[in-house]
Amino acid sequence: MPGGAAGDWMAVHVTWSLGVGRMPLVCVPGYQRTMAAYADFQHNFDRVFGADWPVVLVDLTGRGRSADRANKRQYVSTVDAHELQQVCAALGIGRAVFLGQGYGGQTIMALAARAPLLVAGAVLIDAGPVSDPRGLVRLRNNLRELEGQRSAAGLRNMFRRILATDYPGLQDGMLDVLAARTHCLDDKGRVHALFDGHLIRMLEAFEHDDVLVAQWPLFNALSHTPLMMMRTQLTEQLRREVFEEMMRRRRDADAYIIEGQASPALLNSTADVAPVAEFMRQVLAGGQRAAVQPALSAAP
């Protein structure tokens, strides 16, 4: 599907059918991730929501099956938001609920600033007006190490070591499934990332002790719409104090902690998907349920 700039195009997957009166849920993955991040979510959402409701998955430009950008300077959330708006227009979507993890959530904030009538509701997971530089540095270093692997065994072992920290207790087989969502091996056994390598280079300037400026005006662009904010307990993408400030500014919003996981949230249980399904029901009904304020003492 065409994107914004000439030669750019985005891969889109739609389950069930779009149509009048069927406002979809549009899922936007994180920085270097693909729509595969929502594979388990989609199955659980169908089970919990209890209807053949349309869910739209996208690969942002430069990720997954979408084209890499010709102009590397356009790997920014505002351009991705513009292209997401174009995708919705091409699909005939005039209103939608958007779910985004990390960078995907920041893209949704930029979309709300650009096209507020398009965003009927938003679910932000480990996403806020500022990213944690510690998480950006770790992501860059991990991706660099993975880039240097030259064998299937080396890639598997390194992924297991990295992901075991983010998902303690998860079996090796599932860790291997997660690894396959961002990297693959060619027929010669060489490692390939499922995203444009320039995305790694864009992280080179960050250091652990950087102080990044929070873009609260972008967060405030969601002030017109129902909002759910979720944070994984072990995330390095969104600081706890930023999440708490987001809740303070949006006391009407739902808030939820996903325990025992880091970014991205796996969304592989009905317990973690059920709040999203309930939020969707409330948006469709024209309201938003009372905010759920979790006990944050359990979060780091």
C-alpha atoms as a PDB file:
ATOM      1  CA  MET A   1       0.000   0.000   0.000  1.00  0.00           C
ATOM      2  CA  PRO A   2       1.474   3.412  -0.931  1.00  0.00           C
ATOM      3  CA  GLY A   3       3.071   5.457   1.815  1.00  0.00           C
ATOM      4  CA  GLY A   4       3.990   9.125   1.875  1.00  0.00           C
ATOM      5  CA  ALA A   5       7.127   9.579  -0.234  1.00  0.00           C
ATOM      6  CA  ALA A   6       7.607   8.290  -3.751  1.00  0.00           C
ATOM      7  CA  GLY A   7       8.783   4.677  -3.634  1.00  0.00           C
ATOM      8  CA  ASP A   8       7.739   4.172   0.005  1.00  0.00           C
ATOM      9  CA  TRP A   9       4.996   1.645   0.700  1.00  0.00           C
ATOM     10  CA  MET A  10       3.616  -0.072   3.780  1.00  0.00           C
ATOM     11  CA  ALA A  11       2.513  -3.653   4.351  1.00  0.00           C
ATOM     12  CA  VAL A  12      -0.936  -3.984   5.924  1.00  0.00           C
ATOM     13  CA  HIS A  13      -2.878  -6.990   7.218  1.00  0.00           C
ATOM     14  CA  VAL A  14      -6.622  -6.744   7.916  1.00  0.00           C
ATOM     15  CA  THR A  15      -8.552  -9.425   9.773  1.00  0.00           C
ATOM     16  CA  TRP A  16     -12.296  -9.786   9.304  1.00  0.00           C
ATOM     17  CA  SER A  17     -13.978  -7.047   7.293  1.00  0.00           C
ATOM     18  CA  LEU A  18     -13.990  -3.291   7.387  1.00  0.00           C
ATOM     19  CA  GLY A  19     -17.220  -1.430   6.824  1.00  0.00           C
ATOM     20  CA  VAL A  20     -19.725   1.111   8.054  1.00  0.00           C
ATOM     21  CA  GLY A  21     -20.284   0.806  11.794  1.00  0.00           C
ATOM     22  CA  ARG A  22     -17.204  -1.398  12.259  1.00  0.00           C
ATOM     23  CA  MET A  23     -14.581   0.970  13.654  1.00  0.00           C
ATOM     24  CA  PRO A  24     -11.328  -1.023  13.593  1.00  0.00           C
ATOM     25  CA  LEU A  25      -8.476  -1.420  16.032  1.00  0.00           C
ATOM     26  CA  VAL A  26      -5.211  -0.401  14.351  1.00  0.00           C
ATOM     27  CA  CYS A  27      -2.033  -1.846  15.892  1.00  0.00           C
ATOM     28  CA  VAL A  28       1.296  -0.055  15.425  1.00  0.00           C
ATOM     29  CA  PRO A  29       4.523  -1.877  16.436  1.00  0.00           C
ATOM     30  CA  GLY A  30       7.603  -0.466  18.125  1.00  0.00           C
ATOM     31  CA  TYR A  31      10.755   1.132  16.765  1.00  0.00           C
ATOM     32  CA  GLN A  32      12.365  -1.689  14.769  1.00  0.00           C
ATOM     33  CA  ARG A  33       9.528  -4.177  15.103  1.00  0.00           C
ATOM     34  CA  THR A  34       6.953  -5.605  12.740  1.00  0.00           C
ATOM     35  CA  MET A  35       3.298  -6.559  12.886  1.00  0.00           C
ATOM     36  CA  ALA A  36       4.448  -9.996  14.126  1.00  0.00           C
ATOM     37  CA  ALA A  37       4.676  -8.375  17.571  1.00  0.00           C
ATOM     38  CA  TYR A  38       0.859  -8.582  17.622  1.00  0.00           C
ATOM     39  CA  ALA A  39       0.519 -12.221  16.556  1.00  0.00           C
ATOM     40  CA  ASP A  40      -0.549 -13.421  20.013  1.00  0.00           C
ATOM     41  CA  PHE A  41      -2.572 -10.284  20.728  1.00  0.00           C
ATOM     42  CA  GLN A  42      -4.744 -10.759  17.669  1.00  0.00           C
ATOM     43  CA  HIS A  43      -5.701 -14.301  18.670  1.00  0.00           C
ATOM     44  CA  ASN A  44      -6.480 -13.300  22.252  1.00  0.00           C
ATOM     45  CA  PHE A  45      -8.393 -10.190  21.210  1.00  0.00           C
ATOM     46  CA  ASP A  46     -10.698 -12.323  19.061  1.00  0.00           C
ATOM     47  CA  ARG A  47     -11.312 -14.623  22.027  1.00  0.00           C
ATOM     48  CA  VAL A  48     -11.944 -11.870  24.571  1.00  0.00           C
ATOM     49  CA  PHE A  49     -13.816  -9.383  22.406  1.00  0.00           C
ATOM     50  CA  GLY A  50     -16.159 -12.087  21.267  1.00  0.00           C
ATOM     51  CA  ALA A  51     -16.858 -10.801  17.780  1.00  0.00           C
ATOM     52  CA  ASP A  52     -15.345 -10.895  14.300  1.00  0.00           C
ATOM     53  CA  TRP A  53     -14.136  -7.335  14.750  1.00  0.00           C
ATOM     54  CA  PRO A  54     -11.656  -5.824  12.275  1.00  0.00           C
ATOM     55  CA  VAL A  55      -8.064  -5.501  13.446  1.00  0.00           C
ATOM     56  CA  VAL A  56      -5.518  -3.761  11.215  1.00  0.00           C
ATOM     57  CA  LEU A  57      -1.818  -4.594  11.578  1.00  0.00           C
ATOM     58  CA  VAL A  58       0.862  -2.501   9.876  1.00  0.00           C
ATOM     59  CA  ASP A  59       4.579  -2.618   9.219  1.00  0.00           C
ATOM     60  CA  LEU A  60       5.835   0.948   9.368  1.00  0.00           C
ATOM     61  CA  THR A  61       8.062   1.920   6.459  1.00  0.00           C
ATOM     62  CA  GLY A  62      11.505   0.349   6.826  1.00  0.00           C
ATOM     63  CA  ARG A  63      10.207  -2.576   8.872  1.00  0.00           C
ATOM     64  CA  GLY A  64       9.069  -6.073   7.990  1.00  0.00           C
ATOM     65  CA  ARG A  65       7.518  -6.359   4.544  1.00  0.00           C
ATOM     66  CA  SER A  66       7.330  -2.593   4.013  1.00  0.00           C
ATOM     67  CA  ALA A  67       9.841  -0.818   1.790  1.00  0.00           C
ATOM     68  CA  ASP A  68      12.950   0.833   3.229  1.00  0.00           C
ATOM     69  CA  ARG A  69      13.016   4.608   3.007  1.00  0.00           C
ATOM     70  CA  ALA A  70      14.939   6.174   0.186  1.00  0.00           C
ATOM     71  CA  ASN A  71      15.328   9.316   2.290  1.00  0.00           C
ATOM     72  CA  LYS A  72      16.745   8.089   5.595  1.00  0.00           C
ATOM     73  CA  ARG A  73      16.101  11.451   7.268  1.00  0.00           C
ATOM     74  CA  GLN A  74      12.395  10.669   7.130  1.00  0.00           C
ATOM     75  CA  TYR A  75      12.583   7.929   9.743  1.00  0.00           C
ATOM     76  CA  VAL A  76      10.679  10.102  12.226  1.00  0.00           C
ATOM     77  CA  SER A  77       7.333   9.678  13.946  1.00  0.00           C
ATOM     78  CA  THR A  78       5.722  12.645  12.187  1.00  0.00           C
ATOM     79  CA  VAL A  79       6.354  11.113   8.749  1.00  0.00           C
ATOM     80  CA  ASP A  80       5.195   7.691   9.955  1.00  0.00           C
ATOM     81  CA  ALA A  81       2.036   9.340  11.311  1.00  0.00           C
ATOM     82  CA  HIS A  82       1.385  10.951   7.924  1.00  0.00           C
ATOM     83  CA  GLU A  83       1.765   7.593   6.185  1.00  0.00           C
ATOM     84  CA  LEU A  84      -0.476   5.893   8.742  1.00  0.00           C
ATOM     85  CA  GLN A  85      -3.113   8.513   8.004  1.00  0.00           C
ATOM     86  CA  GLN A  86      -2.786   7.756   4.293  1.00  0.00           C
ATOM     87  CA  VAL A  87      -3.155   4.020   4.919  1.00  0.00           C
ATOM     88  CA  CYS A  88      -6.367   4.648   6.850  1.00  0.00           C
ATOM     89  CA  ALA A  89      -7.671   6.818   4.021  1.00  0.00           C
ATOM     90  CA  ALA A  90      -6.862   4.117   1.456  1.00  0.00           C
ATOM     91  CA  LEU A  91      -8.741   1.540   3.556  1.00  0.00           C
ATOM     92  CA  GLY A  92     -11.722   3.849   3.965  1.00  0.00           C
ATOM     93  CA  ILE A  93     -11.164   4.201   7.717  1.00  0.00           C
ATOM     94  CA  GLY A  94     -12.534   7.495   9.005  1.00  0.00           C
ATOM     95  CA  ARG A  95     -12.298   6.683  12.723  1.00  0.00           C
ATOM     96  CA  ALA A  96     -10.286   4.040  14.560  1.00  0.00           C
ATOM     97  CA  VAL A  97      -8.915   3.030  17.922  1.00  0.00           C
ATOM     98  CA  PHE A  98      -5.113   2.886  17.784  1.00  0.00           C
ATOM     99  CA  LEU A  99      -2.828   0.673  19.861  1.00  0.00           C
ATOM    100  CA  GLY A 100       0.907   1.379  19.820  1.00  0.00           C
ATOM    101  CA  GLN A 101       3.949   0.064  21.651  1.00  0.00           C
ATOM    102  CA  GLY A 102       6.983   2.275  22.303  1.00  0.00           C
ATOM    103  CA  TYR A 103       7.775   4.243  19.160  1.00  0.00           C
ATOM    104  CA  GLY A 104       4.451   3.069  17.755  1.00  0.00           C
ATOM    105  CA  GLY A 105       2.685   4.888  20.571  1.00  0.00           C
ATOM    106  CA  GLN A 106       4.666   8.043  19.832  1.00  0.00           C
ATOM    107  CA  THR A 107       3.571   7.754  16.206  1.00  0.00           C
ATOM    108  CA  ILE A 108      -0.048   7.617  17.391  1.00  0.00           C
ATOM    109  CA  MET A 109       0.478  10.791  19.421  1.00  0.00           C
ATOM    110  CA  ALA A 110       1.843  12.482  16.294  1.00  0.00           C
ATOM    111  CA  LEU A 111      -1.159  11.182  14.365  1.00  0.00           C
ATOM    112  CA  ALA A 112      -3.543  12.670  16.933  1.00  0.00           C
ATOM    113  CA  ALA A 113      -1.822  16.046  16.521  1.00  0.00           C
ATOM    114  CA  ARG A 114      -2.111  15.771  12.752  1.00  0.00           C
ATOM    115  CA  ALA A 115      -5.577  14.215  12.372  1.00  0.00           C
ATOM    116  CA  PRO A 116      -7.458  14.379  15.702  1.00  0.00           C
ATOM    117  CA  LEU A 117     -10.792  13.255  14.229  1.00  0.00           C
ATOM    118  CA  LEU A 118      -9.219  10.007  13.020  1.00  0.00           C
ATOM    119  CA  VAL A 119      -8.232   8.878  16.532  1.00  0.00           C
ATOM    120  CA  ALA A 120     -11.351   7.695  18.368  1.00  0.00           C
ATOM    121  CA  GLY A 121      -9.297   6.155  21.174  1.00  0.00           C
ATOM    122  CA  ALA A 122      -5.683   5.314  21.964  1.00  0.00           C
ATOM    123  CA  VAL A 123      -3.878   2.566  23.859  1.00  0.00           C
ATOM    124  CA  LEU A 124      -0.244   3.397  24.646  1.00  0.00           C
ATOM    125  CA  ILE A 125       2.032   0.577  25.829  1.00  0.00           C
ATOM    126  CA  ASP A 126       5.466   1.632  27.124  1.00  0.00           C
ATOM    127  CA  ALA A 127       4.955   4.832  25.157  1.00  0.00           C
ATOM    128  CA  GLY A 128       5.026   8.411  26.332  1.00  0.00           C
ATOM    129  CA  PRO A 129       6.269  11.870  25.470  1.00  0.00           C
ATOM    130  CA  VAL A 130       9.896  10.880  26.094  1.00  0.00           C
ATOM    131  CA  SER A 131      11.869   7.647  25.731  1.00  0.00           C
ATOM    132  CA  ASP A 132      14.299   6.423  28.373  1.00  0.00           C
ATOM    133  CA  PRO A 133      17.843   6.904  26.937  1.00  0.00           C
ATOM    134  CA  ARG A 134      19.005   3.837  28.876  1.00  0.00           C
ATOM    135  CA  GLY A 135      16.604   1.723  26.862  1.00  0.00           C
ATOM    136  CA  LEU A 136      17.730   3.287  23.584  1.00  0.00           C
ATOM    137  CA  VAL A 137      21.387   2.570  24.388  1.00  0.00           C
ATOM    138  CA  ARG A 138      20.639  -1.030  25.359  1.00  0.00           C
ATOM    139  CA  LEU A 139      18.588  -1.530  22.208  1.00  0.00           C
ATOM    140  CA  ARG A 140      21.406  -0.151  20.060  1.00  0.00           C
ATOM    141  CA  ASN A 141      24.054  -2.296  21.746  1.00  0.00           C
ATOM    142  CA  ASN A 142      21.946  -5.447  21.521  1.00  0.00           C
ATOM    143  CA  LEU A 143      21.171  -4.889  17.852  1.00  0.00           C
ATOM    144  CA  ARG A 144      24.861  -4.283  17.126  1.00  0.00           C
ATOM    145  CA  GLU A 145      25.787  -7.554  18.829  1.00  0.00           C
ATOM    146  CA  LEU A 146      23.130  -9.445  16.906  1.00  0.00           C
ATOM    147  CA  GLU A 147      24.347  -7.842  13.684  1.00  0.00           C
ATOM    148  CA  GLY A 148      27.746  -9.406  14.299  1.00  0.00           C
ATOM    149  CA  GLN A 149      26.487 -12.979  14.544  1.00  0.00           C
ATOM    150  CA  ARG A 150      27.404 -15.276  11.679  1.00  0.00           C
ATOM    151  CA  SER A 151      25.626 -18.496  12.578  1.00  0.00           C
ATOM    152  CA  ALA A 152      22.229 -19.795  13.579  1.00  0.00           C
ATOM    153  CA  ALA A 153      23.577 -21.127  16.870  1.00  0.00           C
ATOM    154  CA  GLY A 154      25.260 -17.830  17.735  1.00  0.00           C
ATOM    155  CA  LEU A 155      22.126 -15.877  16.942  1.00  0.00           C
ATOM    156  CA  ARG A 156      19.913 -18.217  18.947  1.00  0.00           C
ATOM    157  CA  ASN A 157      22.165 -18.196  22.005  1.00  0.00           C
ATOM    158  CA  MET A 158      22.577 -14.422  22.021  1.00  0.00           C
ATOM    159  CA  PHE A 159      18.855 -13.854  21.610  1.00  0.00           C
ATOM    160  CA  ARG A 160      18.120 -16.236  24.468  1.00  0.00           C
ATOM    161  CA  ARG A 161      20.573 -14.373  26.699  1.00  0.00           C
ATOM    162  CA  ILE A 162      19.103 -10.969  25.826  1.00  0.00           C
ATOM    163  CA  LEU A 163      15.457 -11.961  25.976  1.00  0.00           C
ATOM    164  CA  ALA A 164      15.750 -14.038  29.155  1.00  0.00           C
ATOM    165  CA  THR A 165      16.359 -10.770  31.020  1.00  0.00           C
ATOM    166  CA  ASP A 166      13.244  -9.188  29.543  1.00  0.00           C
ATOM    167  CA  TYR A 167      10.978 -12.209  29.948  1.00  0.00           C
ATOM    168  CA  PRO A 168      12.153 -14.189  32.992  1.00  0.00           C
ATOM    169  CA  GLY A 169      10.744 -17.686  33.125  1.00  0.00           C
ATOM    170  CA  LEU A 170       9.835 -17.845  29.447  1.00  0.00           C
ATOM    171  CA  GLN A 171      10.809 -21.150  27.836  1.00  0.00           C
ATOM    172  CA  ASP A 172      13.621 -21.269  25.257  1.00  0.00           C
ATOM    173  CA  GLY A 173      11.213 -22.261  22.503  1.00  0.00           C
ATOM    174  CA  MET A 174       9.149 -19.110  23.005  1.00  0.00           C
ATOM    175  CA  LEU A 175      12.317 -16.989  23.162  1.00  0.00           C
ATOM    176  CA  ASP A 176      13.236 -18.418  19.749  1.00  0.00           C
ATOM    177  CA  VAL A 177       9.795 -17.419  18.427  1.00  0.00           C
ATOM    178  CA  LEU A 178      10.370 -13.851  19.653  1.00  0.00           C
ATOM    179  CA  ALA A 179      13.794 -13.785  17.987  1.00  0.00           C
ATOM    180  CA  ALA A 180      12.273 -14.752  14.644  1.00  0.00           C
ATOM    181  CA  ARG A 181      10.038 -11.683  14.788  1.00  0.00           C
ATOM    182  CA  THR A 182      12.969  -9.315  14.201  1.00  0.00           C
ATOM    183  CA  HIS A 183      15.731 -11.419  12.577  1.00  0.00           C
ATOM    184  CA  CYS A 184      16.077 -14.301  10.157  1.00  0.00           C
ATOM    185  CA  LEU A 185      18.707 -16.469   8.480  1.00  0.00           C
ATOM    186  CA  ASP A 186      19.212 -16.690   4.724  1.00  0.00           C
ATOM    187  CA  ASP A 187      19.936 -19.943   2.872  1.00  0.00           C
ATOM    188  CA  LYS A 188      23.649 -19.475   3.615  1.00  0.00           C
ATOM    189  CA  GLY A 189      23.094 -19.153   7.345  1.00  0.00           C
ATOM    190  CA  ARG A 190      23.754 -15.412   7.463  1.00  0.00           C
ATOM    191  CA  VAL A 191      21.825 -13.224   9.896  1.00  0.00           C
ATOM    192  CA  HIS A 192      19.490 -10.572   8.524  1.00  0.00           C
ATOM    193  CA  ALA A 193      17.436  -8.007  10.411  1.00  0.00           C
ATOM    194  CA  LEU A 194      13.808  -7.579   9.375  1.00  0.00           C
ATOM    195  CA  PHE A 195      14.231  -3.804   9.354  1.00  0.00           C
ATOM    196  CA  ASP A 196      16.379  -1.156   7.703  1.00  0.00           C
ATOM    197  CA  GLY A 197      19.843  -1.163   9.306  1.00  0.00           C
ATOM    198  CA  HIS A 198      19.793   2.636   9.274  1.00  0.00           C
ATOM    199  CA  LEU A 199      17.451   2.467  12.257  1.00  0.00           C
ATOM    200  CA  ILE A 200      20.376   1.180  14.341  1.00  0.00           C
ATOM    201  CA  ARG A 201      22.651   3.952  13.143  1.00  0.00           C
ATOM    202  CA  MET A 202      20.067   6.534  14.208  1.00  0.00           C
ATOM    203  CA  LEU A 203      20.612   5.428  17.821  1.00  0.00           C
ATOM    204  CA  GLU A 204      24.366   6.049  17.809  1.00  0.00           C
ATOM    205  CA  ALA A 205      24.187   9.510  19.398  1.00  0.00           C
ATOM    206  CA  PHE A 206      22.417   8.408  22.587  1.00  0.00           C
ATOM    207  CA  GLU A 207      24.200   7.861  25.920  1.00  0.00           C
ATOM    208  CA  HIS A 208      22.901   6.501  29.225  1.00  0.00           C
ATOM    209  CA  ASP A 209      23.007   9.852  31.022  1.00  0.00           C
ATOM    210  CA  ASP A 210      21.349  11.916  28.272  1.00  0.00           C
ATOM    211  CA  VAL A 211      18.490  14.138  29.386  1.00  0.00           C
ATOM    212  CA  LEU A 212      15.841  14.071  26.685  1.00  0.00           C
ATOM    213  CA  VAL A 213      13.213  16.768  26.396  1.00  0.00           C
ATOM    214  CA  ALA A 214       9.696  15.477  26.961  1.00  0.00           C
ATOM    215  CA  GLN A 215       7.273  16.321  24.165  1.00  0.00           C
ATOM    216  CA  TRP A 216       4.215  16.933  26.317  1.00  0.00           C
ATOM    217  CA  PRO A 217       2.397  18.848  23.538  1.00  0.00           C
ATOM    218  CA  LEU A 218       2.302  15.595  21.549  1.00  0.00           C
ATOM    219  CA  PHE A 219       0.895  13.724  24.544  1.00  0.00           C
ATOM    220  CA  ASN A 220      -1.641  16.517  24.993  1.00  0.00           C
ATOM    221  CA  ALA A 221      -2.795  15.926  21.421  1.00  0.00           C
ATOM    222  CA  LEU A 222      -4.635  12.921  22.872  1.00  0.00           C
ATOM    223  CA  SER A 223      -6.554  15.085  25.339  1.00  0.00           C
ATOM    224  CA  HIS A 224      -9.653  14.908  23.131  1.00  0.00           C
ATOM    225  CA  THR A 225      -9.842  11.126  23.047  1.00  0.00           C
ATOM    226  CA  PRO A 226     -10.362   8.188  25.433  1.00  0.00           C
ATOM    227  CA  LEU A 227      -7.003   6.872  26.544  1.00  0.00           C
ATOM    228  CA  MET A 228      -5.557   3.714  28.055  1.00  0.00           C
ATOM    229  CA  MET A 229      -1.933   3.694  29.244  1.00  0.00           C
ATOM    230  CA  MET A 230      -0.100   0.430  29.880  1.00  0.00           C
ATOM    231  CA  ARG A 231       3.430  -0.169  31.144  1.00  0.00           C
ATOM    232  CA  THR A 232       5.391  -3.395  31.331  1.00  0.00           C
ATOM    233  CA  GLN A 233       6.905  -3.937  34.746  1.00  0.00           C
ATOM    234  CA  LEU A 234      10.466  -4.472  33.453  1.00  0.00           C
ATOM    235  CA  THR A 235      10.529  -1.955  30.624  1.00  0.00           C
ATOM    236  CA  GLU A 236      13.548   0.203  29.870  1.00  0.00           C
ATOM    237  CA  GLN A 237      11.616   2.323  27.378  1.00  0.00           C
ATOM    238  CA  LEU A 238       9.351   4.330  29.662  1.00  0.00           C
ATOM    239  CA  ARG A 239      10.466   5.543  33.082  1.00  0.00           C
ATOM    240  CA  ARG A 240       8.091   4.986  35.943  1.00  0.00           C
ATOM    241  CA  GLU A 241       8.055   8.685  36.860  1.00  0.00           C
ATOM    242  CA  VAL A 242       7.045   9.620  33.310  1.00  0.00           C
ATOM    243  CA  PHE A 243       4.232   7.066  33.410  1.00  0.00           C
ATOM    244  CA  GLU A 244       3.031   8.475  36.727  1.00  0.00           C
ATOM    245  CA  GLU A 245       3.076  12.011  35.328  1.00  0.00           C
ATOM    246  CA  MET A 246       1.044  10.817  32.344  1.00  0.00           C
ATOM    247  CA  MET A 247      -1.514   9.377  34.755  1.00  0.00           C
ATOM    248  CA  ARG A 248      -1.558  12.605  36.744  1.00  0.00           C
ATOM    249  CA  ARG A 249      -2.253  14.627  33.600  1.00  0.00           C
ATOM    250  CA  ARG A 250      -4.934  12.215  32.414  1.00  0.00           C
ATOM    251  CA  ARG A 251      -6.769  11.138  35.564  1.00  0.00           C
ATOM    252  CA  ASP A 252      -9.674  10.002  33.420  1.00  0.00           C
ATOM    253  CA  ALA A 253      -7.497   7.480  31.549  1.00  0.00           C
ATOM    254  CA  ASP A 254      -7.281   3.781  32.288  1.00  0.00           C
ATOM    255  CA  ALA A 255      -3.909   2.554  33.560  1.00  0.00           C
ATOM    256  CA  TYR A 256      -2.585  -0.989  33.689  1.00  0.00           C
ATOM    257  CA  ILE A 257       0.695  -2.695  34.627  1.00  0.00           C
ATOM    258  CA  ILE A 258       1.766  -5.831  32.736  1.00  0.00           C
ATOM    259  CA  GLU A 259       3.758  -7.829  35.253  1.00  0.00           C
ATOM    260  CA  GLY A 260       6.920  -9.834  34.640  1.00  0.00           C
ATOM    261  CA  GLN A 261       7.640  -8.518  31.142  1.00  0.00           C
ATOM    262  CA  ALA A 262       9.709  -5.890  29.382  1.00  0.00           C
ATOM    263  CA  SER A 263       9.182  -4.271  25.983  1.00  0.00           C
ATOM    264  CA  PRO A 264       7.479  -5.203  23.805  1.00  0.00           C
ATOM    265  CA  ALA A 265       4.554  -6.522  25.796  1.00  0.00           C
ATOM    266  CA  LEU A 266       3.792 -10.048  24.610  1.00  0.00           C
ATOM    267  CA  LEU A 267       0.017  -9.667  25.001  1.00  0.00           C
ATOM    268  CA  ASN A 268      -0.125 -13.444  24.959  1.00  0.00           C
ATOM    269  CA  SER A 269      -2.671 -13.920  27.739  1.00  0.00           C
ATOM    270  CA  THR A 270      -6.325 -13.078  27.929  1.00  0.00           C
ATOM    271  CA  ALA A 271      -5.650 -11.352  31.279  1.00  0.00           C
ATOM    272  CA  ASP A 272      -3.450  -8.737  29.577  1.00  0.00           C
ATOM    273  CA  VAL A 273      -5.640  -8.382  26.486  1.00  0.00           C
ATOM    274  CA  ALA A 274      -8.978  -8.179  28.308  1.00  0.00           C
ATOM    275  CA  PRO A 275      -8.456  -4.531  29.423  1.00  0.00           C
ATOM    276  CA  VAL A 276      -7.854  -3.535  25.795  1.00  0.00           C
ATOM    277  CA  ALA A 277     -11.001  -5.349  24.683  1.00  0.00           C
ATOM    278  CA  GLU A 278     -13.039  -3.654  27.421  1.00  0.00           C
ATOM    279  CA  PHE A 279     -11.579  -0.277  26.468  1.00  0.00           C
ATOM    280  CA  MET A 280     -12.585  -0.944  22.859  1.00  0.00           C
ATOM    281  CA  ARG A 281     -16.138  -1.770  23.936  1.00  0.00           C
ATOM    282  CA  GLN A 282     -16.390   1.449  25.897  1.00  0.00           C
ATOM    283  CA  VAL A 283     -15.119   3.559  23.008  1.00  0.00           C
ATOM    284  CA  LEU A 284     -17.608   1.914  20.666  1.00  0.00           C
ATOM    285  CA  ALA A 285     -20.342   2.604  23.213  1.00  0.00           C
ATOM    286  CA  GLY A 286     -19.321   6.255  23.314  1.00  0.00           C
ATOM    287  CA  GLY A 287     -17.754   6.359  26.764  1.00  0.00           C
ATOM    288  CA  GLN A 288     -14.787   5.313  28.833  1.00  0.00           C
ATOM    289  CA  ARG A 289     -14.867   3.280  31.992  1.00  0.00           C
ATOM    290  CA  ALA A 290     -13.588   4.657  35.263  1.00  0.00           C
ATOM    291  CA  ALA A 291      -9.821   4.771  35.476  1.00  0.00           C
ATOM    292  CA  VAL A 292      -8.104   1.722  36.904  1.00  0.00           C
ATOM    293  CA  GLN A 293      -5.234   2.854  39.113  1.00  0.00           C
ATOM    294  CA  PRO A 294      -2.902  -0.110  39.753  1.00  0.00           C
ATOM    295  CA  ALA A 295      -0.625  -0.456  42.745  1.00  0.00           C
ATOM    296  CA  LEU A 296       2.567   0.986  41.287  1.00  0.00           C
ATOM    297  CA  SER A 297       4.710  -0.130  44.205  1.00  0.00           C
ATOM    298  CA  ALA A 298       5.271  -3.414  42.365  1.00  0.00           C
ATOM    299  CA  ALA A 299       6.812  -1.675  39.359  1.00  0.00           C
ATOM    300  CA  PRO A 300      10.540  -0.811  39.288  1.00  0.00           C
END
